[in-house]
Amino acid sequence: MMKKITFSALALGLCFSAFAQEPVNSAAVAKIRTEGLDKSKASEIAYQITDVAGPRLSNSPGLKRAQDWAVKYFNEMGLKNVHLEAWGDFGKGWQVDKYYAATTKPVQPLKNSYKADAVRYTDEDLEKMAAATPPAAGGGGQGNRQGAPGAGNNQRAMMMRMIGMRAAIDSVLLAEGIGLKLTYARGSHGTFFTSNGASYKLDAKAVNPELEVSSEDYLHILRLLRGGEKVEIEAEVKTSFYDKDPKGYNVIGEIPGTDPKLKDEVVMLGGHYDSWHSGTGATDNGAGSAVMIEAMRILKAIDFKPKRTIRIALWSSEEQGLFGSRGYVKQHFADPADMKAKPEHEKLSAYYNLDNGTGTIRGVYLQGNAAVKDIFQAWLTPFADLGAKTITISNTGGTDHQAYDGVGLPGFQFIQDPMDYNTRTHHSNMDTFDRLDVEDLKKSATIVASFVYHTSERAEKLPRKAMPTPAPARP
């Protein structure tokens, strides 16, 4: 059960004395906390995104259902400029209509893990993050994903070799006319992880029917074959493809700014809306999307009239390469190929992202932007009782804030408790509504709403890092 603590305006004011240089509106924080923690709609929003819309593969009917619902909900909420905005061409969508497989003849052991699936950051973990040193200039370090210099290029080369090898094998198997390909899926105890899929290009060639199989079933079959037994499998797989509209779309909505001088400036928040197909995309990234939608609802519910325009974006095709956010940034702010800023580049104050599962926010990654440290520390202070107090200079990667950071804009991802994201739910058949911690979603939405509120009300936009130089063309 969540412990609720009521703050008086005086108590909140005392909390902020250490950061007097960065104003914090204690009355607004109190309103946001009451709306976000006591009157939350996060659970209902997450339910619509996951259980009702279902899996949200790029350009699939499931994603379209979720996008249509978001447009309707944004309009009901009173947001303005609500629309689906094309970011470019994606290709064909698909969905699995039915899949079934069973071993019919003959009619399983793995190593047990005694390590807990779901964990939260300890104080020691957070202290280590806070003590991190700034990333190397020009480096693309990614927090806990950070590798040695050149690691990104090595990983990319390895991935390209694996893709080439897989294509060669599939070509041989297709020529052989196989009936079904079974692939070993990572995971155990009923969980399997997936990120597989054939090309989504409109002119892509046909591929072999393929099912990713849980480790228990796969190893069972393998042991039987190695033991000389004859194994028979029956299967039925039906997949539909959608190619009438190959464009990808993001969902956009706004709370317009009201200050005569600042209303054309923008504060953005968002998360990716697409998912994989083995579950309903609850922690990746129904959770982040629900939190950001709820943050907008909170701000509307307290009748906030922001100085700057507040804009939410629900991205598509993140799973294939941050396509939705990168396409949007390229159209509105700058093309990373030449780093020539468009007029809107100067107007953005910040972009806030959430995409690391259901875990509550514990702080912020600064992406090497030391100038915002004291600002964010002041904004986190009212939420220390919720466990959110850590600022780390470190970078983190793998999601849509990188599209902004990559063209010199202040783009941030929040630190979140890991929970069972990497051990059980990320891209797995267990990624369903049941894996969401609704109390964590409430806390996160409340913190995001406060960050967005204070960003919109600052006298100045958030400080920025230097504009990067254009990346050299890849061979």
Foldseek 3Di string as FASTA:
>chain_A
DDDDDQDDLVRLVVLLPVLVVADADSVVLNLLLCCLQPVFPLLVLLCCLFVVLHAFAFQDSSVVSNLVVVLVVLVVLPWPPWDKDFLWFAFKTKAWPDKDKDWVPPPFDDDDDPDDLFDFDDPVNLVVQQPDDADDVPDPAAVVVGDDVVVVVVVVVVVVVVVVVVVVVQVVVVVVVDQEAEAEFDADPPKGFDDDDDDRHHPDDDTHHYDYDYNGVVRVVVVCVVVVGDIDMDMDTDMDMGGPGRTGIKIKTKQAADAPVQRQAEEEEEFESHADRLHRCSFQPSLFHSLQVRLVSSCSVVVHRFNYMYMYIHAYPLSVPLSRLLSVCVVQFHNLQALDGDPNNVRYQEYETEGQGQFAFQEKAQCQVVQCVSVRQSLCSVVVSVNHHHYGPGHRDSTNLCSQVSSWHHGIYTDGTNTSCPPGAPNMSPVHSVSHDVSRSSNRSSSVSSVSRSQRHDPDGGDIDDGDGRDDDDD
